[in-house]
N, C-alpha and C. Protein backbone atom coordinates (compact mmCIF):
# COMPACT_ATOMS: atom_id res chain seq x y z
N UNK A 1 -12.48 -13.21 4.77
CA UNK A 1 -11.65 -13.22 3.59
C UNK A 1 -12.09 -12.10 2.64
N UNK A 2 -11.13 -11.34 2.16
CA UNK A 2 -11.42 -10.29 1.20
C UNK A 2 -11.82 -10.90 -0.13
N UNK A 3 -12.84 -10.31 -0.75
CA UNK A 3 -13.27 -10.79 -2.06
C UNK A 3 -13.46 -9.62 -3.00
N UNK A 4 -13.00 -9.78 -4.24
CA UNK A 4 -13.26 -8.75 -5.24
C UNK A 4 -14.76 -8.53 -5.41
N UNK A 5 -15.11 -7.32 -5.80
CA UNK A 5 -16.49 -6.88 -6.03
C UNK A 5 -17.28 -6.68 -4.74
N UNK A 6 -16.64 -6.90 -3.60
CA UNK A 6 -17.28 -6.61 -2.31
C UNK A 6 -16.60 -5.38 -1.71
N UNK A 7 -17.27 -4.76 -0.77
CA UNK A 7 -16.71 -3.56 -0.14
C UNK A 7 -15.35 -3.87 0.47
N UNK A 8 -14.39 -3.04 0.16
CA UNK A 8 -13.07 -3.15 0.79
C UNK A 8 -13.22 -2.69 2.24
N UNK A 9 -12.40 -3.24 3.14
CA UNK A 9 -12.48 -2.76 4.52
C UNK A 9 -12.13 -1.28 4.58
N UNK A 10 -12.78 -0.56 5.47
CA UNK A 10 -12.47 0.86 5.62
C UNK A 10 -11.02 1.00 6.04
N UNK A 11 -10.34 1.92 5.41
CA UNK A 11 -8.95 2.22 5.75
C UNK A 11 -8.89 3.71 6.03
N UNK A 12 -8.34 4.08 7.17
CA UNK A 12 -8.18 5.48 7.53
C UNK A 12 -6.95 5.61 8.40
N UNK A 13 -6.07 6.54 8.03
CA UNK A 13 -4.82 6.72 8.77
C UNK A 13 -4.26 8.10 8.48
N UNK A 14 -3.44 8.62 9.40
CA UNK A 14 -2.81 9.92 9.16
C UNK A 14 -1.68 9.79 8.14
N UNK A 15 -1.38 10.90 7.48
CA UNK A 15 -0.26 10.93 6.54
C UNK A 15 0.78 11.94 7.02
N UNK A 16 1.98 11.78 6.49
CA UNK A 16 3.08 12.68 6.84
C UNK A 16 2.73 14.13 6.48
N UNK A 17 1.89 14.32 5.48
CA UNK A 17 1.50 15.65 5.04
C UNK A 17 0.50 16.33 5.97
N UNK A 18 0.11 15.66 7.06
CA UNK A 18 -0.80 16.24 8.03
C UNK A 18 -2.27 16.02 7.72
N UNK A 19 -2.56 15.19 6.74
CA UNK A 19 -3.93 14.88 6.37
C UNK A 19 -4.34 13.54 6.98
N UNK A 20 -5.61 13.24 6.92
CA UNK A 20 -6.10 11.90 7.22
C UNK A 20 -6.57 11.30 5.91
N UNK A 21 -6.00 10.16 5.54
CA UNK A 21 -6.37 9.47 4.30
C UNK A 21 -7.43 8.44 4.66
N UNK A 22 -8.60 8.56 4.04
CA UNK A 22 -9.72 7.66 4.31
C UNK A 22 -10.22 7.10 2.99
N UNK A 23 -10.22 5.79 2.88
CA UNK A 23 -10.59 5.14 1.63
C UNK A 23 -11.97 5.55 1.15
N UNK A 24 -12.95 5.57 2.04
CA UNK A 24 -14.33 5.86 1.63
C UNK A 24 -14.51 7.29 1.11
N UNK A 25 -13.55 8.16 1.37
CA UNK A 25 -13.62 9.55 0.89
C UNK A 25 -12.90 9.75 -0.44
N UNK A 26 -12.20 8.73 -0.92
CA UNK A 26 -11.43 8.84 -2.16
C UNK A 26 -12.36 8.72 -3.35
N UNK A 27 -12.13 9.53 -4.34
CA UNK A 27 -12.91 9.50 -5.57
C UNK A 27 -11.97 9.54 -6.78
N UNK A 28 -11.15 8.50 -6.95
CA UNK A 28 -10.22 8.50 -8.08
C UNK A 28 -10.97 8.32 -9.39
N UNK A 29 -10.34 8.75 -10.48
CA UNK A 29 -10.95 8.55 -11.80
C UNK A 29 -11.05 7.07 -12.12
N UNK A 30 -10.02 6.30 -11.75
CA UNK A 30 -9.99 4.88 -12.08
C UNK A 30 -9.97 4.00 -10.83
N UNK A 31 -8.90 4.09 -10.05
CA UNK A 31 -8.70 3.21 -8.89
C UNK A 31 -7.93 3.93 -7.79
N UNK A 32 -8.11 3.48 -6.56
CA UNK A 32 -7.20 3.82 -5.46
C UNK A 32 -6.24 2.66 -5.33
N UNK A 33 -4.96 2.96 -5.17
CA UNK A 33 -3.97 1.91 -4.95
C UNK A 33 -3.34 2.14 -3.58
N UNK A 34 -3.57 1.19 -2.69
CA UNK A 34 -3.02 1.24 -1.34
C UNK A 34 -1.89 0.22 -1.27
N UNK A 35 -0.70 0.71 -0.96
CA UNK A 35 0.47 -0.15 -0.85
C UNK A 35 0.89 -0.20 0.61
N UNK A 36 0.69 -1.36 1.23
CA UNK A 36 1.12 -1.56 2.61
C UNK A 36 2.56 -2.05 2.58
N UNK A 37 3.43 -1.36 3.31
CA UNK A 37 4.83 -1.78 3.38
C UNK A 37 5.18 -2.08 4.83
N UNK A 38 6.27 -2.79 5.04
CA UNK A 38 6.62 -3.30 6.36
C UNK A 38 7.08 -2.21 7.32
N UNK A 39 7.78 -1.21 6.83
CA UNK A 39 8.25 -0.14 7.69
C UNK A 39 9.70 0.22 7.43
N UNK A 40 10.17 1.19 8.19
CA UNK A 40 11.52 1.75 8.04
C UNK A 40 12.61 0.69 8.13
N UNK A 41 12.38 -0.35 8.90
CA UNK A 41 13.39 -1.38 9.12
C UNK A 41 13.66 -2.26 7.90
N UNK A 42 12.83 -2.16 6.88
CA UNK A 42 12.85 -3.11 5.76
C UNK A 42 13.64 -2.59 4.56
N UNK A 43 14.80 -3.18 4.27
CA UNK A 43 15.57 -2.72 3.10
C UNK A 43 14.88 -3.04 1.77
N UNK A 44 14.11 -4.11 1.71
CA UNK A 44 13.40 -4.43 0.47
C UNK A 44 12.31 -3.38 0.21
N UNK A 45 11.65 -2.95 1.28
CA UNK A 45 10.62 -1.91 1.15
C UNK A 45 11.21 -0.63 0.59
N UNK A 46 12.40 -0.30 1.01
CA UNK A 46 13.04 0.93 0.54
C UNK A 46 13.10 0.95 -0.99
N UNK A 47 13.59 -0.11 -1.58
CA UNK A 47 13.68 -0.16 -3.03
C UNK A 47 12.32 -0.10 -3.71
N UNK A 48 11.36 -0.83 -3.15
CA UNK A 48 10.02 -0.87 -3.74
C UNK A 48 9.36 0.50 -3.64
N UNK A 49 9.49 1.15 -2.48
CA UNK A 49 8.88 2.46 -2.28
C UNK A 49 9.54 3.51 -3.17
N UNK A 50 10.85 3.41 -3.38
CA UNK A 50 11.53 4.36 -4.27
C UNK A 50 11.00 4.21 -5.69
N UNK A 51 10.84 2.97 -6.15
CA UNK A 51 10.29 2.78 -7.49
C UNK A 51 8.85 3.29 -7.56
N UNK A 52 8.07 3.02 -6.53
CA UNK A 52 6.69 3.52 -6.50
C UNK A 52 6.67 5.04 -6.56
N UNK A 53 7.53 5.69 -5.78
CA UNK A 53 7.63 7.14 -5.80
C UNK A 53 7.92 7.64 -7.22
N UNK A 54 8.82 6.97 -7.90
CA UNK A 54 9.20 7.38 -9.26
C UNK A 54 8.07 7.16 -10.27
N UNK A 55 7.12 6.30 -9.95
CA UNK A 55 6.04 5.96 -10.88
C UNK A 55 4.68 6.57 -10.50
N UNK A 56 4.64 7.35 -9.44
CA UNK A 56 3.38 7.96 -9.00
C UNK A 56 2.72 8.72 -10.16
N UNK A 57 3.51 9.45 -10.91
CA UNK A 57 2.97 10.21 -12.04
C UNK A 57 2.35 9.32 -13.11
N UNK A 58 2.98 8.17 -13.37
CA UNK A 58 2.45 7.23 -14.36
C UNK A 58 1.10 6.68 -13.91
N UNK A 59 0.99 6.40 -12.61
CA UNK A 59 -0.30 5.94 -12.09
C UNK A 59 -1.34 7.06 -12.16
N UNK A 60 -0.93 8.28 -11.81
CA UNK A 60 -1.86 9.42 -11.85
C UNK A 60 -2.39 9.64 -13.26
N UNK A 61 -1.53 9.49 -14.28
CA UNK A 61 -1.95 9.64 -15.67
C UNK A 61 -3.06 8.65 -16.03
N UNK A 62 -3.11 7.55 -15.31
CA UNK A 62 -4.10 6.50 -15.57
C UNK A 62 -5.31 6.60 -14.63
N UNK A 63 -5.36 7.68 -13.84
CA UNK A 63 -6.48 7.88 -12.94
C UNK A 63 -6.39 7.11 -11.64
N UNK A 64 -5.17 6.70 -11.27
CA UNK A 64 -4.95 5.91 -10.05
C UNK A 64 -4.33 6.81 -8.98
N UNK A 65 -4.99 6.89 -7.83
CA UNK A 65 -4.45 7.61 -6.67
C UNK A 65 -3.67 6.61 -5.82
N UNK A 66 -2.44 6.96 -5.48
CA UNK A 66 -1.54 6.04 -4.78
C UNK A 66 -1.26 6.55 -3.37
N UNK A 67 -1.28 5.62 -2.41
CA UNK A 67 -0.87 5.91 -1.04
C UNK A 67 -0.11 4.69 -0.52
N UNK A 68 0.91 4.94 0.30
CA UNK A 68 1.65 3.87 0.97
C UNK A 68 1.45 4.03 2.47
N UNK A 69 1.37 2.91 3.19
CA UNK A 69 1.12 2.97 4.63
C UNK A 69 1.79 1.78 5.32
N UNK A 70 2.18 2.00 6.57
CA UNK A 70 2.71 0.91 7.39
C UNK A 70 2.21 1.09 8.82
N UNK A 71 2.53 0.13 9.65
CA UNK A 71 2.16 0.23 11.06
C UNK A 71 3.18 1.05 11.85
N UNK A 72 4.22 1.55 11.19
CA UNK A 72 5.17 2.44 11.85
C UNK A 72 4.45 3.67 12.39
N UNK A 73 5.02 4.26 13.44
CA UNK A 73 4.53 5.53 13.95
C UNK A 73 5.02 6.68 13.08
N UNK A 74 4.60 7.89 13.44
CA UNK A 74 4.92 9.06 12.62
C UNK A 74 6.42 9.27 12.45
N UNK A 75 7.19 9.15 13.51
CA UNK A 75 8.63 9.42 13.43
C UNK A 75 9.31 8.50 12.42
N UNK A 76 9.02 7.22 12.49
CA UNK A 76 9.64 6.27 11.56
C UNK A 76 9.12 6.46 10.13
N UNK A 77 7.84 6.76 9.98
CA UNK A 77 7.29 7.01 8.64
C UNK A 77 7.90 8.27 8.03
N UNK A 78 8.07 9.29 8.85
CA UNK A 78 8.71 10.52 8.37
C UNK A 78 10.15 10.24 7.96
N UNK A 79 10.86 9.42 8.75
CA UNK A 79 12.24 9.06 8.40
C UNK A 79 12.27 8.30 7.08
N UNK A 80 11.32 7.39 6.87
CA UNK A 80 11.27 6.65 5.60
C UNK A 80 11.05 7.61 4.44
N UNK A 81 10.11 8.53 4.58
CA UNK A 81 9.83 9.47 3.48
C UNK A 81 11.05 10.32 3.17
N UNK A 82 11.76 10.76 4.20
CA UNK A 82 12.93 11.61 4.01
C UNK A 82 14.15 10.81 3.56
N UNK A 83 14.51 9.78 4.33
CA UNK A 83 15.72 9.01 4.05
C UNK A 83 15.64 8.25 2.73
N UNK A 84 14.45 7.80 2.39
CA UNK A 84 14.26 7.03 1.15
C UNK A 84 13.97 7.94 -0.04
N UNK A 85 13.89 9.24 0.22
CA UNK A 85 13.65 10.24 -0.83
C UNK A 85 12.37 9.92 -1.62
N UNK A 86 11.23 10.14 -0.94
CA UNK A 86 9.92 9.83 -1.51
C UNK A 86 9.06 11.09 -1.64
N UNK A 87 9.52 12.12 -2.35
CA UNK A 87 8.77 13.38 -2.39
C UNK A 87 7.42 13.30 -3.09
N UNK A 88 7.25 12.36 -4.00
CA UNK A 88 6.01 12.27 -4.78
C UNK A 88 4.95 11.38 -4.14
N UNK A 89 5.35 10.62 -3.14
CA UNK A 89 4.49 9.58 -2.58
C UNK A 89 3.80 10.04 -1.30
N UNK A 90 2.49 9.85 -1.24
CA UNK A 90 1.76 10.09 0.01
C UNK A 90 2.05 8.91 0.93
N UNK A 91 2.58 9.21 2.12
CA UNK A 91 2.98 8.17 3.07
C UNK A 91 2.14 8.28 4.33
N UNK A 92 1.43 7.20 4.63
CA UNK A 92 0.63 7.13 5.84
C UNK A 92 1.35 6.35 6.93
N UNK A 93 0.81 6.43 8.13
CA UNK A 93 1.42 5.73 9.26
C UNK A 93 0.35 5.35 10.27
N UNK A 94 0.79 4.63 11.30
CA UNK A 94 -0.11 4.18 12.38
C UNK A 94 -1.25 3.29 11.88
N UNK A 95 -0.97 2.44 10.88
CA UNK A 95 -1.95 1.44 10.49
C UNK A 95 -2.05 0.45 11.64
N UNK A 96 -3.19 0.40 12.29
CA UNK A 96 -3.36 -0.50 13.44
C UNK A 96 -3.25 -1.96 13.03
N UNK A 97 -2.73 -2.77 13.92
CA UNK A 97 -2.56 -4.20 13.63
C UNK A 97 -3.91 -4.85 13.33
N UNK A 98 -4.95 -4.50 14.08
CA UNK A 98 -6.27 -5.08 13.80
C UNK A 98 -6.81 -4.60 12.46
N UNK A 99 -6.56 -3.34 12.12
CA UNK A 99 -6.97 -2.84 10.81
C UNK A 99 -6.21 -3.56 9.71
N UNK A 100 -4.92 -3.81 9.93
CA UNK A 100 -4.12 -4.55 8.95
C UNK A 100 -4.68 -5.96 8.76
N UNK A 101 -5.09 -6.58 9.85
CA UNK A 101 -5.68 -7.92 9.75
C UNK A 101 -6.99 -7.89 8.96
N UNK A 102 -7.80 -6.85 9.16
CA UNK A 102 -9.05 -6.72 8.41
C UNK A 102 -8.77 -6.60 6.91
N UNK A 103 -7.61 -6.03 6.58
CA UNK A 103 -7.20 -5.90 5.18
C UNK A 103 -6.63 -7.22 4.64
N UNK A 104 -6.51 -8.21 5.52
CA UNK A 104 -5.96 -9.50 5.09
C UNK A 104 -4.45 -9.57 5.15
N UNK A 105 -3.82 -8.55 5.72
CA UNK A 105 -2.36 -8.54 5.80
C UNK A 105 -1.87 -9.52 6.86
N UNK A 106 -0.74 -10.10 6.59
CA UNK A 106 -0.07 -10.96 7.57
C UNK A 106 0.67 -10.06 8.55
N UNK A 107 0.81 -10.54 9.78
CA UNK A 107 1.46 -9.79 10.85
C UNK A 107 2.67 -10.58 11.33
N UNK A 108 3.78 -9.87 11.52
CA UNK A 108 5.01 -10.49 12.02
C UNK A 108 5.39 -9.87 13.35
N UNK A 109 6.20 -10.60 14.10
CA UNK A 109 6.75 -10.09 15.35
C UNK A 109 8.24 -9.84 15.16
N UNK A 110 8.78 -9.01 16.01
CA UNK A 110 10.17 -8.57 15.89
C UNK A 110 11.16 -9.73 16.02
N UNK A 111 12.17 -9.66 15.21
CA UNK A 111 13.32 -10.57 15.31
C UNK A 111 14.58 -9.78 15.61
N UNK A 112 14.38 -8.54 16.12
CA UNK A 112 15.53 -7.70 16.46
C UNK A 112 15.89 -6.76 15.32
N UNK A 113 17.18 -6.52 15.18
CA UNK A 113 17.65 -5.60 14.13
C UNK A 113 17.71 -6.31 12.79
N UNK A 114 17.42 -5.55 11.75
CA UNK A 114 17.47 -6.08 10.39
C UNK A 114 18.89 -5.93 9.84
N UNK A 115 19.07 -6.35 8.60
CA UNK A 115 20.39 -6.29 7.96
C UNK A 115 20.91 -4.86 7.82
N UNK A 116 20.03 -3.87 7.92
CA UNK A 116 20.48 -2.48 7.85
C UNK A 116 20.59 -1.84 9.24
N UNK A 117 20.49 -2.67 10.28
CA UNK A 117 20.72 -2.21 11.64
C UNK A 117 19.58 -1.46 12.29
N UNK A 118 18.38 -1.58 11.77
CA UNK A 118 17.22 -0.90 12.35
C UNK A 118 16.34 -1.94 13.02
N UNK A 119 15.96 -1.64 14.26
CA UNK A 119 15.12 -2.54 15.05
C UNK A 119 13.73 -2.68 14.44
N UNK A 120 13.27 -3.92 14.34
CA UNK A 120 11.90 -4.15 13.91
C UNK A 120 10.95 -3.78 15.05
N UNK A 121 9.76 -3.26 14.74
CA UNK A 121 8.77 -3.02 15.78
C UNK A 121 8.33 -4.35 16.41
N UNK A 122 7.72 -4.29 17.58
CA UNK A 122 7.26 -5.50 18.25
C UNK A 122 6.33 -6.30 17.35
N UNK A 123 5.42 -5.62 16.66
CA UNK A 123 4.53 -6.25 15.68
C UNK A 123 4.41 -5.29 14.50
N UNK A 124 4.33 -5.86 13.30
CA UNK A 124 4.21 -5.03 12.11
C UNK A 124 3.55 -5.82 11.00
N UNK A 125 2.98 -5.09 10.04
CA UNK A 125 2.32 -5.74 8.90
C UNK A 125 3.33 -6.12 7.83
N UNK A 126 3.03 -7.22 7.15
CA UNK A 126 3.77 -7.61 5.96
C UNK A 126 3.15 -6.88 4.76
N UNK A 127 3.77 -6.94 3.59
CA UNK A 127 3.32 -6.12 2.46
C UNK A 127 2.01 -6.57 1.81
N UNK A 128 1.36 -5.60 1.20
CA UNK A 128 0.19 -5.86 0.39
C UNK A 128 -0.03 -4.71 -0.58
N UNK A 129 -0.71 -4.99 -1.67
CA UNK A 129 -1.05 -3.96 -2.65
C UNK A 129 -2.51 -4.18 -3.02
N UNK A 130 -3.31 -3.13 -2.90
CA UNK A 130 -4.75 -3.21 -3.14
C UNK A 130 -5.15 -2.22 -4.22
N UNK A 131 -5.98 -2.67 -5.13
CA UNK A 131 -6.63 -1.79 -6.09
C UNK A 131 -8.11 -1.76 -5.74
N UNK A 132 -8.63 -0.55 -5.49
CA UNK A 132 -10.00 -0.38 -5.05
C UNK A 132 -10.72 0.56 -6.02
N UNK A 133 -11.89 0.16 -6.45
CA UNK A 133 -12.68 0.96 -7.40
C UNK A 133 -13.25 2.20 -6.69
N UNK A 134 -13.62 3.21 -7.46
CA UNK A 134 -14.17 4.43 -6.86
C UNK A 134 -15.41 4.19 -5.99
N UNK A 135 -16.15 3.11 -6.25
CA UNK A 135 -17.33 2.81 -5.42
C UNK A 135 -16.97 2.09 -4.12
N UNK A 136 -15.66 1.90 -3.86
CA UNK A 136 -15.22 1.29 -2.61
C UNK A 136 -15.12 -0.21 -2.63
N UNK A 137 -15.39 -0.82 -3.78
CA UNK A 137 -15.27 -2.28 -3.86
C UNK A 137 -13.85 -2.67 -4.23
N UNK A 138 -13.44 -3.80 -3.70
CA UNK A 138 -12.10 -4.31 -3.98
C UNK A 138 -12.03 -4.80 -5.42
N UNK A 139 -11.02 -4.36 -6.14
CA UNK A 139 -10.77 -4.88 -7.48
C UNK A 139 -9.78 -6.03 -7.39
N UNK A 140 -8.66 -5.80 -6.71
CA UNK A 140 -7.68 -6.88 -6.55
C UNK A 140 -6.81 -6.63 -5.33
N UNK A 141 -6.22 -7.72 -4.84
CA UNK A 141 -5.33 -7.65 -3.68
C UNK A 141 -4.15 -8.59 -3.90
N UNK A 142 -2.98 -8.09 -3.60
CA UNK A 142 -1.74 -8.88 -3.67
C UNK A 142 -1.15 -8.84 -2.26
N UNK A 143 -1.17 -9.96 -1.58
CA UNK A 143 -0.79 -10.01 -0.17
C UNK A 143 0.38 -10.97 0.01
N UNK A 144 1.42 -10.52 0.72
CA UNK A 144 2.65 -11.30 0.89
C UNK A 144 2.86 -11.66 2.37
N UNK A 145 3.56 -12.76 2.59
CA UNK A 145 3.94 -13.14 3.95
C UNK A 145 5.37 -12.71 4.28
N UNK A 146 6.10 -12.28 3.28
CA UNK A 146 7.50 -11.86 3.43
C UNK A 146 7.71 -10.59 2.61
N UNK A 147 8.87 -9.96 2.75
CA UNK A 147 9.11 -8.75 1.96
C UNK A 147 9.39 -9.02 0.49
N UNK A 148 9.53 -10.27 0.11
CA UNK A 148 9.96 -10.62 -1.25
C UNK A 148 8.78 -10.88 -2.19
N UNK A 149 9.07 -10.88 -3.50
CA UNK A 149 8.12 -11.29 -4.56
C UNK A 149 6.85 -10.45 -4.59
N UNK A 150 7.01 -9.15 -4.52
CA UNK A 150 5.86 -8.25 -4.63
C UNK A 150 5.49 -8.03 -6.09
N UNK A 151 4.28 -7.55 -6.35
CA UNK A 151 3.89 -7.29 -7.73
C UNK A 151 4.83 -6.26 -8.37
N UNK A 152 5.27 -6.55 -9.57
CA UNK A 152 6.12 -5.60 -10.29
C UNK A 152 5.25 -4.43 -10.72
N UNK A 153 5.71 -3.22 -10.41
CA UNK A 153 4.90 -2.04 -10.69
C UNK A 153 4.67 -1.84 -12.18
N UNK A 154 5.62 -2.22 -13.01
CA UNK A 154 5.42 -2.15 -14.46
C UNK A 154 4.24 -3.03 -14.87
N UNK A 155 4.12 -4.20 -14.25
CA UNK A 155 3.00 -5.10 -14.55
C UNK A 155 1.68 -4.54 -14.03
N UNK A 156 1.72 -3.88 -12.89
CA UNK A 156 0.50 -3.26 -12.36
C UNK A 156 0.04 -2.15 -13.31
N UNK A 157 0.99 -1.36 -13.81
CA UNK A 157 0.64 -0.31 -14.78
C UNK A 157 0.00 -0.91 -16.03
N UNK A 158 0.57 -1.99 -16.54
CA UNK A 158 0.00 -2.66 -17.72
C UNK A 158 -1.40 -3.18 -17.42
N UNK A 159 -1.58 -3.73 -16.23
CA UNK A 159 -2.90 -4.23 -15.84
C UNK A 159 -3.91 -3.09 -15.79
N UNK A 160 -3.52 -1.96 -15.21
CA UNK A 160 -4.42 -0.81 -15.13
C UNK A 160 -4.79 -0.34 -16.54
N UNK A 161 -3.82 -0.32 -17.44
CA UNK A 161 -4.11 0.06 -18.82
C UNK A 161 -5.17 -0.87 -19.42
N UNK A 162 -5.02 -2.16 -19.20
CA UNK A 162 -5.98 -3.13 -19.75
C UNK A 162 -7.35 -2.97 -19.10
N UNK A 163 -7.36 -2.82 -17.78
CA UNK A 163 -8.61 -2.63 -17.05
C UNK A 163 -9.35 -1.41 -17.59
N UNK A 164 -8.63 -0.30 -17.72
CA UNK A 164 -9.25 0.94 -18.17
C UNK A 164 -9.72 0.85 -19.63
N UNK A 165 -8.92 0.25 -20.50
CA UNK A 165 -9.25 0.18 -21.92
C UNK A 165 -10.41 -0.76 -22.21
N UNK A 166 -10.55 -1.80 -21.39
CA UNK A 166 -11.54 -2.85 -21.67
C UNK A 166 -12.65 -2.95 -20.64
N UNK A 167 -12.67 -2.03 -19.68
CA UNK A 167 -13.64 -2.11 -18.59
C UNK A 167 -13.66 -3.53 -18.02
N UNK A 168 -12.46 -4.06 -17.82
CA UNK A 168 -12.31 -5.45 -17.40
C UNK A 168 -12.80 -5.62 -15.97
N UNK A 169 -13.67 -6.59 -15.72
CA UNK A 169 -14.25 -6.76 -14.38
C UNK A 169 -13.26 -7.38 -13.39
N UNK A 170 -13.49 -7.10 -12.12
CA UNK A 170 -12.74 -7.79 -11.06
C UNK A 170 -13.08 -9.27 -11.12
N UNK A 171 -12.11 -10.10 -10.86
CA UNK A 171 -12.31 -11.55 -10.90
C UNK A 171 -11.98 -12.14 -9.54
N UNK A 172 -12.46 -13.36 -9.29
CA UNK A 172 -12.16 -14.07 -8.05
C UNK A 172 -13.22 -13.93 -6.98
N UNK A 173 -14.41 -13.48 -7.36
CA UNK A 173 -15.45 -13.20 -6.36
C UNK A 173 -16.27 -14.42 -5.96
N UNK A 174 -16.17 -15.51 -6.69
CA UNK A 174 -17.02 -16.68 -6.44
C UNK A 174 -16.63 -17.42 -5.16
């Protein structure tokens, strides 16, 4: 079980930009924010990722480095970045199912085509949002079993403001 104030599981995956994103190598001013999304097949993810893309600058102003990742392969991740118009967002791919489990993510199996006519992968991760301190310890995790009811990004921004202004500690470690 993931616990705040303990080391976050190592996360490392390729990005559409041709880089390898590795959590332990990140040195954000405030926090790293890792947003796990379900993949190209998910219409709810599309809206959430578009809003995240539009708010990347707001997070950066607060010292938060943002990355989004799914278990999709490169082709589907590239299609998501292009089709969903995500120019500001670093998009990773090939998040292994076992790595997703280490992150505490729920895993689903395919139910065929989604409402937008795109086939679900055989197995894929459900959504999660992680805030990780520069020292690699978990600050907070929001983990979902379905595509619905994700943390509102406006609320995450407000939380980051409070954390930064008050040096508010991670909670839930007991």
